[in-house]
Amino acid sequence: GGPPEEPALSKKKGLNRFVWDMRNTTMNGVQDVYIESSYRGHKVPPGKYTVTLMEGSKELSKEAVVLANPLYATDAKTYAEYDAFMTPIEAEVINMHNRINDLDAKRILLEKLSGSIPGNNAQLKQSVKDLITKMKSWDNDMIQRKSKAYDDVDNFANKFTANYMFMINQTESDMPKVNQPSKDRLKELNLDWDKLRARADEIDQNVITINKALWNAGVGALPQSIIKP
């Protein structure tokens, strides 16, 4: 239900062995959220790659070559088209989940600050409450937080990022070839993401405005490091 740890080379004394799974970066997740999906990046296309081992200031690099599977009738153009399709959408999932984690952290801090708003500043208190409601609504459209285990996906509807990842998983294959239905589905999902991203951008601007009002009211403010979208 969540991303696996990235493979890592052991630091134990002696001979250590590392096997690269030839996959791109693993997509990230959302804390305590179960998504019945694979978070693994797609396999890299055939070509030359640089393997680098670093220890302190020391660095050793070697060239490695990933060969095409001779059992598959896949040409270089098809590999390239597949990689060009998969790479940006996997990066977009990372962006989506970062946005979810970022706005949720801001919501939690705003809820804490809202309890310190003086009773005679009802307008500010209501503004913060309305913004928190807007943040929860956006979060609810992006992710299903009720799912905690396998059977939960039958009881609670998947939300946007789960559907987006399902499209990625259905396209990912050892015999890479992007079909038209995947392209059509991506176009549909991107239209939805454009709207959801615009809502997130608006919320971030609202947070900046509310943050200034909280500071002027003497309540405090969110850390500057968390304010930036």
C-alpha atoms as a PDB file:
ATOM      1  CA  GLY A   1       0.000   0.000   0.000  1.00  0.00           C
ATOM      2  CA  GLY A   2       3.007   2.311   0.107  1.00  0.00           C
ATOM      3  CA  PRO A   3       6.336   2.775  -1.657  1.00  0.00           C
ATOM      4  CA  PRO A   4       9.133   0.273  -0.916  1.00  0.00           C
ATOM      5  CA  GLU A   5      12.534   1.450   0.225  1.00  0.00           C
ATOM      6  CA  GLU A   6      14.983   2.198  -2.548  1.00  0.00           C
ATOM      7  CA  PRO A   7      17.617  -0.548  -2.941  1.00  0.00           C
ATOM      8  CA  ALA A   8      20.816   0.429  -1.157  1.00  0.00           C
ATOM      9  CA  LEU A   9      24.364  -0.867  -0.983  1.00  0.00           C
ATOM     10  CA  SER A  10      25.235  -2.354   2.411  1.00  0.00           C
ATOM     11  CA  LYS A  11      27.927  -0.617   4.510  1.00  0.00           C
ATOM     12  CA  LYS A  12      28.936  -3.779   6.367  1.00  0.00           C
ATOM     13  CA  LYS A  13      32.635  -4.546   6.527  1.00  0.00           C
ATOM     14  CA  GLY A  14      33.724  -7.018   3.888  1.00  0.00           C
ATOM     15  CA  LEU A  15      32.440  -7.869   0.420  1.00  0.00           C
ATOM     16  CA  ASN A  16      29.038  -6.374  -0.402  1.00  0.00           C
ATOM     17  CA  ARG A  17      26.893  -7.008  -3.441  1.00  0.00           C
ATOM     18  CA  PHE A  18      24.332  -4.670  -4.983  1.00  0.00           C
ATOM     19  CA  VAL A  19      21.928  -5.694  -7.742  1.00  0.00           C
ATOM     20  CA  TRP A  20      20.332  -2.851  -9.687  1.00  0.00           C
ATOM     21  CA  ASP A  21      16.762  -3.594 -10.677  1.00  0.00           C
ATOM     22  CA  MET A  22      17.211  -1.307 -13.708  1.00  0.00           C
ATOM     23  CA  ARG A  23      14.254   0.794 -12.628  1.00  0.00           C
ATOM     24  CA  ASN A  24      13.823   4.549 -12.407  1.00  0.00           C
ATOM     25  CA  THR A  25      13.174   6.391  -9.134  1.00  0.00           C
ATOM     26  CA  THR A  26      10.426   4.948  -6.930  1.00  0.00           C
ATOM     27  CA  MET A  27       7.389   7.225  -6.670  1.00  0.00           C
ATOM     28  CA  ASN A  28       6.698   8.618  -3.202  1.00  0.00           C
ATOM     29  CA  GLY A  29       3.550   8.180  -1.146  1.00  0.00           C
ATOM     30  CA  VAL A  30       1.385   9.918   1.435  1.00  0.00           C
ATOM     31  CA  GLN A  31       1.866   9.156   5.133  1.00  0.00           C
ATOM     32  CA  ASP A  32      -0.538   6.474   6.441  1.00  0.00           C
ATOM     33  CA  VAL A  33      -2.392   6.256   3.105  1.00  0.00           C
ATOM     34  CA  TYR A  34      -2.913   2.864   1.448  1.00  0.00           C
ATOM     35  CA  ILE A  35      -2.981   2.759  -2.348  1.00  0.00           C
ATOM     36  CA  GLU A  36      -3.281  -0.634  -3.993  1.00  0.00           C
ATOM     37  CA  SER A  37      -0.677   0.126  -6.613  1.00  0.00           C
ATOM     38  CA  SER A  38       2.956  -0.283  -7.550  1.00  0.00           C
ATOM     39  CA  TYR A  39       5.148   2.727  -6.774  1.00  0.00           C
ATOM     40  CA  ARG A  40       8.144   1.417  -8.721  1.00  0.00           C
ATOM     41  CA  GLY A  41       9.545   3.443 -11.570  1.00  0.00           C
ATOM     42  CA  HIS A  42       9.572   1.876 -15.019  1.00  0.00           C
ATOM     43  CA  LYS A  43      12.598  -0.018 -16.294  1.00  0.00           C
ATOM     44  CA  VAL A  44      15.212   2.040 -18.100  1.00  0.00           C
ATOM     45  CA  PRO A  45      15.539   1.630 -21.860  1.00  0.00           C
ATOM     46  CA  PRO A  46      18.602  -0.059 -23.387  1.00  0.00           C
ATOM     47  CA  GLY A  47      21.631   2.220 -23.487  1.00  0.00           C
ATOM     48  CA  LYS A  48      24.794   3.341 -21.685  1.00  0.00           C
ATOM     49  CA  TYR A  49      24.614   4.314 -18.008  1.00  0.00           C
ATOM     50  CA  THR A  50      27.134   5.546 -15.459  1.00  0.00           C
ATOM     51  CA  VAL A  51      27.432   3.695 -12.145  1.00  0.00           C
ATOM     52  CA  THR A  52      29.008   5.832  -9.417  1.00  0.00           C
ATOM     53  CA  LEU A  53      30.237   4.687  -5.999  1.00  0.00           C
ATOM     54  CA  MET A  54      30.901   7.464  -3.477  1.00  0.00           C
ATOM     55  CA  GLU A  55      32.571   7.248  -0.073  1.00  0.00           C
ATOM     56  CA  GLY A  56      33.291  10.569   1.593  1.00  0.00           C
ATOM     57  CA  SER A  57      35.246  12.653  -0.915  1.00  0.00           C
ATOM     58  CA  LYS A  58      36.186   9.585  -2.945  1.00  0.00           C
ATOM     59  CA  GLU A  59      34.282   8.753  -6.104  1.00  0.00           C
ATOM     60  CA  LEU A  60      34.563   5.887  -8.578  1.00  0.00           C
ATOM     61  CA  SER A  61      32.537   5.724 -11.799  1.00  0.00           C
ATOM     62  CA  LYS A  62      32.173   3.006 -14.399  1.00  0.00           C
ATOM     63  CA  GLU A  63      30.119   2.720 -17.538  1.00  0.00           C
ATOM     64  CA  ALA A  64      27.446   0.047 -17.766  1.00  0.00           C
ATOM     65  CA  VAL A  65      25.445  -1.035 -20.789  1.00  0.00           C
ATOM     66  CA  VAL A  66      21.826  -2.195 -20.583  1.00  0.00           C
ATOM     67  CA  LEU A  67      21.063  -4.423 -23.565  1.00  0.00           C
ATOM     68  CA  ALA A  68      17.703  -4.969 -25.204  1.00  0.00           C
ATOM     69  CA  ASN A  69      16.066  -8.312 -24.445  1.00  0.00           C
ATOM     70  CA  PRO A  70      16.716 -10.413 -27.567  1.00  0.00           C
ATOM     71  CA  LEU A  71      13.461 -12.303 -27.006  1.00  0.00           C
ATOM     72  CA  TYR A  72      11.370  -9.147 -27.552  1.00  0.00           C
ATOM     73  CA  ALA A  73      10.786  -7.653 -30.990  1.00  0.00           C
ATOM     74  CA  THR A  74      11.052  -4.112 -29.593  1.00  0.00           C
ATOM     75  CA  ASP A  75      13.002  -1.547 -31.612  1.00  0.00           C
ATOM     76  CA  ALA A  76      14.886   1.502 -30.284  1.00  0.00           C
ATOM     77  CA  LYS A  77      12.111   3.895 -31.321  1.00  0.00           C
ATOM     78  CA  THR A  78       9.488   1.993 -29.308  1.00  0.00           C
ATOM     79  CA  TYR A  79      11.755   1.928 -26.236  1.00  0.00           C
ATOM     80  CA  ALA A  80      12.302   5.682 -26.568  1.00  0.00           C
ATOM     81  CA  GLU A  81       8.577   6.435 -26.971  1.00  0.00           C
ATOM     82  CA  TYR A  82       7.783   4.335 -23.914  1.00  0.00           C
ATOM     83  CA  ASP A  83      10.437   6.044 -21.781  1.00  0.00           C
ATOM     84  CA  ALA A  84       9.277   9.490 -22.959  1.00  0.00           C
ATOM     85  CA  PHE A  85       5.707   8.625 -21.924  1.00  0.00           C
ATOM     86  CA  MET A  86       6.472   7.062 -18.550  1.00  0.00           C
ATOM     87  CA  THR A  87       9.155   9.404 -17.200  1.00  0.00           C
ATOM     88  CA  PRO A  88       7.070  12.621 -16.912  1.00  0.00           C
ATOM     89  CA  ILE A  89       3.941  10.951 -15.521  1.00  0.00           C
ATOM     90  CA  GLU A  90       5.924   9.193 -12.787  1.00  0.00           C
ATOM     91  CA  ALA A  91       7.509  12.540 -11.934  1.00  0.00           C
ATOM     92  CA  GLU A  92       4.016  14.061 -11.823  1.00  0.00           C
ATOM     93  CA  VAL A  93       2.880  11.529  -9.213  1.00  0.00           C
ATOM     94  CA  ILE A  94       5.838  12.591  -7.056  1.00  0.00           C
ATOM     95  CA  ASN A  95       4.751  16.208  -7.543  1.00  0.00           C
ATOM     96  CA  MET A  96       1.128  15.376  -6.644  1.00  0.00           C
ATOM     97  CA  HIS A  97       2.047  13.535  -3.464  1.00  0.00           C
ATOM     98  CA  ASN A  98       4.497  16.261  -2.441  1.00  0.00           C
ATOM     99  CA  ARG A  99       1.665  18.772  -2.873  1.00  0.00           C
ATOM    100  CA  ILE A 100      -0.685  16.666  -0.765  1.00  0.00           C
ATOM    101  CA  ASN A 101       1.884  16.293   2.021  1.00  0.00           C
ATOM    102  CA  ASP A 102       2.727  20.000   1.876  1.00  0.00           C
ATOM    103  CA  LEU A 103      -0.863  21.267   2.096  1.00  0.00           C
ATOM    104  CA  ASP A 104      -1.731  18.752   4.811  1.00  0.00           C
ATOM    105  CA  ALA A 105       1.195  19.994   6.916  1.00  0.00           C
ATOM    106  CA  LYS A 106      -0.043  23.576   6.461  1.00  0.00           C
ATOM    107  CA  ARG A 107      -3.585  22.543   7.434  1.00  0.00           C
ATOM    108  CA  ILE A 108      -2.381  20.912  10.652  1.00  0.00           C
ATOM    109  CA  LEU A 109      -0.443  24.040  11.656  1.00  0.00           C
ATOM    110  CA  LEU A 110      -3.358  26.316  10.781  1.00  0.00           C
ATOM    111  CA  GLU A 111      -5.671  24.244  12.974  1.00  0.00           C
ATOM    112  CA  LYS A 112      -3.258  24.657  15.879  1.00  0.00           C
ATOM    113  CA  LEU A 113      -2.983  28.411  15.347  1.00  0.00           C
ATOM    114  CA  SER A 114      -6.748  28.835  14.992  1.00  0.00           C
ATOM    115  CA  GLY A 115      -7.195  27.914  18.647  1.00  0.00           C
ATOM    116  CA  SER A 116      -5.167  30.984  19.638  1.00  0.00           C
ATOM    117  CA  ILE A 117      -7.296  33.505  17.734  1.00  0.00           C
ATOM    118  CA  PRO A 118      -8.948  35.928  20.202  1.00  0.00           C
ATOM    119  CA  GLY A 119     -12.705  35.592  20.559  1.00  0.00           C
ATOM    120  CA  ASN A 120     -13.225  39.190  19.492  1.00  0.00           C
ATOM    121  CA  ASN A 121     -11.736  38.439  16.046  1.00  0.00           C
ATOM    122  CA  ALA A 122     -14.601  36.339  14.716  1.00  0.00           C
ATOM    123  CA  GLN A 123     -13.943  37.309  11.096  1.00  0.00           C
ATOM    124  CA  LEU A 124     -10.371  35.974  11.134  1.00  0.00           C
ATOM    125  CA  LYS A 125     -11.472  32.840  12.954  1.00  0.00           C
ATOM    126  CA  GLN A 126     -14.120  32.205  10.282  1.00  0.00           C
ATOM    127  CA  SER A 127     -11.638  32.866   7.469  1.00  0.00           C
ATOM    128  CA  VAL A 128      -9.234  30.293   8.870  1.00  0.00           C
ATOM    129  CA  LYS A 129     -12.080  27.811   9.323  1.00  0.00           C
ATOM    130  CA  ASP A 130     -13.225  28.313   5.714  1.00  0.00           C
ATOM    131  CA  LEU A 131      -9.685  27.818   4.416  1.00  0.00           C
ATOM    132  CA  ILE A 132      -9.234  24.617   6.418  1.00  0.00           C
ATOM    133  CA  THR A 133     -12.511  23.324   4.972  1.00  0.00           C
ATOM    134  CA  LYS A 134     -11.276  24.138   1.463  1.00  0.00           C
ATOM    135  CA  MET A 135      -7.997  22.326   2.153  1.00  0.00           C
ATOM    136  CA  LYS A 136      -9.789  19.230   3.424  1.00  0.00           C
ATOM    137  CA  SER A 137     -12.079  19.204   0.394  1.00  0.00           C
ATOM    138  CA  TRP A 138      -9.113  19.327  -1.992  1.00  0.00           C
ATOM    139  CA  ASP A 139      -7.276  16.635  -0.030  1.00  0.00           C
ATOM    140  CA  ASN A 140     -10.372  14.424  -0.149  1.00  0.00           C
ATOM    141  CA  ASP A 141     -10.511  14.723  -3.953  1.00  0.00           C
ATOM    142  CA  MET A 142      -6.826  13.870  -4.269  1.00  0.00           C
ATOM    143  CA  ILE A 143      -6.423  10.928  -1.870  1.00  0.00           C
ATOM    144  CA  GLN A 144      -8.507   8.306  -0.048  1.00  0.00           C
ATOM    145  CA  ARG A 145      -7.387   8.428   3.580  1.00  0.00           C
ATOM    146  CA  LYS A 146      -9.914   5.839   4.807  1.00  0.00           C
ATOM    147  CA  SER A 147      -8.149   2.968   3.020  1.00  0.00           C
ATOM    148  CA  LYS A 148      -5.701   1.243   5.357  1.00  0.00           C
ATOM    149  CA  ALA A 149      -5.570  -2.325   4.003  1.00  0.00           C
ATOM    150  CA  TYR A 150      -6.316  -4.491   0.967  1.00  0.00           C
ATOM    151  CA  ASP A 151     -10.095  -4.905   1.414  1.00  0.00           C
ATOM    152  CA  ASP A 152     -10.625  -1.194   2.044  1.00  0.00           C
ATOM    153  CA  VAL A 153     -10.401  -0.415  -1.663  1.00  0.00           C
ATOM    154  CA  ASP A 154     -13.696  -2.283  -2.056  1.00  0.00           C
ATOM    155  CA  ASN A 155     -15.342  -0.151   0.621  1.00  0.00           C
ATOM    156  CA  PHE A 156     -13.922   3.301  -0.116  1.00  0.00           C
ATOM    157  CA  ALA A 157     -13.669   4.821  -3.574  1.00  0.00           C
ATOM    158  CA  ASN A 158     -10.207   5.477  -4.978  1.00  0.00           C
ATOM    159  CA  LYS A 159      -9.399   9.129  -5.478  1.00  0.00           C
ATOM    160  CA  PHE A 160      -7.394  10.986  -8.088  1.00  0.00           C
ATOM    161  CA  THR A 161      -3.786   9.912  -7.484  1.00  0.00           C
ATOM    162  CA  ALA A 162      -4.807   6.251  -7.125  1.00  0.00           C
ATOM    163  CA  ASN A 163      -6.536   6.422 -10.502  1.00  0.00           C
ATOM    164  CA  TYR A 164      -3.520   8.170 -12.003  1.00  0.00           C
ATOM    165  CA  MET A 165      -1.195   5.478 -10.659  1.00  0.00           C
ATOM    166  CA  PHE A 166      -3.514   2.750 -11.950  1.00  0.00           C
ATOM    167  CA  MET A 167      -3.094   4.200 -15.442  1.00  0.00           C
ATOM    168  CA  ILE A 168       0.703   4.129 -14.981  1.00  0.00           C
ATOM    169  CA  ASN A 169       0.661   0.534 -13.719  1.00  0.00           C
ATOM    170  CA  GLN A 170      -1.481  -0.613 -16.639  1.00  0.00           C
ATOM    171  CA  THR A 171       0.960   0.976 -19.093  1.00  0.00           C
ATOM    172  CA  GLU A 172       4.163  -0.293 -17.419  1.00  0.00           C
ATOM    173  CA  SER A 173       5.512  -3.479 -18.999  1.00  0.00           C
ATOM    174  CA  ASP A 174       8.722  -5.419 -19.619  1.00  0.00           C
ATOM    175  CA  MET A 175       7.693  -5.354 -23.273  1.00  0.00           C
ATOM    176  CA  PRO A 176       7.189  -1.591 -23.538  1.00  0.00           C
ATOM    177  CA  LYS A 177       4.616  -0.264 -25.931  1.00  0.00           C
ATOM    178  CA  VAL A 178       2.285   2.634 -25.194  1.00  0.00           C
ATOM    179  CA  ASN A 179      -1.148   1.977 -26.673  1.00  0.00           C
ATOM    180  CA  GLN A 180      -3.753   4.560 -27.634  1.00  0.00           C
ATOM    181  CA  PRO A 181      -6.097   3.851 -24.673  1.00  0.00           C
ATOM    182  CA  SER A 182      -3.273   4.791 -22.266  1.00  0.00           C
ATOM    183  CA  LYS A 183      -2.703   8.039 -24.165  1.00  0.00           C
ATOM    184  CA  ASP A 184      -6.433   8.792 -24.139  1.00  0.00           C
ATOM    185  CA  ARG A 185      -6.741   8.043 -20.422  1.00  0.00           C
ATOM    186  CA  LEU A 186      -3.747  10.262 -19.636  1.00  0.00           C
ATOM    187  CA  LYS A 187      -5.369  13.126 -21.536  1.00  0.00           C
ATOM    188  CA  GLU A 188      -8.559  12.731 -19.448  1.00  0.00           C
ATOM    189  CA  LEU A 189      -6.652  12.593 -16.176  1.00  0.00           C
ATOM    190  CA  ASN A 190      -4.500  15.586 -17.066  1.00  0.00           C
ATOM    191  CA  LEU A 191      -7.616  17.692 -17.599  1.00  0.00           C
ATOM    192  CA  ASP A 192      -8.723  16.772 -14.065  1.00  0.00           C
ATOM    193  CA  TRP A 193      -5.238  17.455 -12.693  1.00  0.00           C
ATOM    194  CA  ASP A 194      -5.197  20.911 -14.280  1.00  0.00           C
ATOM    195  CA  LYS A 195      -8.304  21.793 -12.247  1.00  0.00           C
ATOM    196  CA  LEU A 196      -7.031  20.200  -9.041  1.00  0.00           C
ATOM    197  CA  ARG A 197      -3.632  21.885  -9.374  1.00  0.00           C
ATOM    198  CA  ALA A 198      -5.325  25.265  -9.927  1.00  0.00           C
ATOM    199  CA  ARG A 199      -7.283  24.733  -6.711  1.00  0.00           C
ATOM    200  CA  ALA A 200      -4.048  23.902  -4.867  1.00  0.00           C
ATOM    201  CA  ASP A 201      -2.414  27.060  -6.227  1.00  0.00           C
ATOM    202  CA  GLU A 202      -5.372  29.122  -4.993  1.00  0.00           C
ATOM    203  CA  ILE A 203      -5.171  27.492  -1.551  1.00  0.00           C
ATOM    204  CA  ASP A 204      -1.467  28.327  -1.323  1.00  0.00           C
ATOM    205  CA  GLN A 205      -2.228  31.968  -2.063  1.00  0.00           C
ATOM    206  CA  ASN A 206      -5.006  31.904   0.549  1.00  0.00           C
ATOM    207  CA  VAL A 207      -2.529  30.509   3.092  1.00  0.00           C
ATOM    208  CA  ILE A 208      -0.163  33.419   2.451  1.00  0.00           C
ATOM    209  CA  THR A 209      -2.989  35.928   2.949  1.00  0.00           C
ATOM    210  CA  ILE A 210      -4.285  34.226   6.104  1.00  0.00           C
ATOM    211  CA  ASN A 211      -0.769  33.926   7.463  1.00  0.00           C
ATOM    212  CA  LYS A 212      -0.272  37.689   7.258  1.00  0.00           C
ATOM    213  CA  ALA A 213      -3.622  38.254   8.983  1.00  0.00           C
ATOM    214  CA  LEU A 214      -2.670  35.860  11.780  1.00  0.00           C
ATOM    215  CA  TRP A 215       0.634  37.672  12.275  1.00  0.00           C
ATOM    216  CA  ASN A 216      -1.043  41.087  12.329  1.00  0.00           C
ATOM    217  CA  ALA A 217      -3.539  39.791  14.892  1.00  0.00           C
ATOM    218  CA  GLY A 218      -0.685  38.736  17.162  1.00  0.00           C
ATOM    219  CA  VAL A 219      -1.580  35.060  16.939  1.00  0.00           C
ATOM    220  CA  GLY A 220       1.638  33.938  15.284  1.00  0.00           C
ATOM    221  CA  ALA A 221       2.453  32.644  11.829  1.00  0.00           C
ATOM    222  CA  LEU A 222       3.407  29.540   9.918  1.00  0.00           C
ATOM    223  CA  PRO A 223       7.166  29.055   9.427  1.00  0.00           C
ATOM    224  CA  GLN A 224       8.422  30.744   6.278  1.00  0.00           C
ATOM    225  CA  SER A 225       9.908  27.450   5.110  1.00  0.00           C
ATOM    226  CA  ILE A 226       6.452  25.868   4.930  1.00  0.00           C
ATOM    227  CA  ILE A 227       4.666  28.846   3.374  1.00  0.00           C
ATOM    228  CA  LYS A 228       6.336  28.569  -0.016  1.00  0.00           C
ATOM    229  CA  PRO A 229       4.397  26.213  -2.344  1.00  0.00           C
END
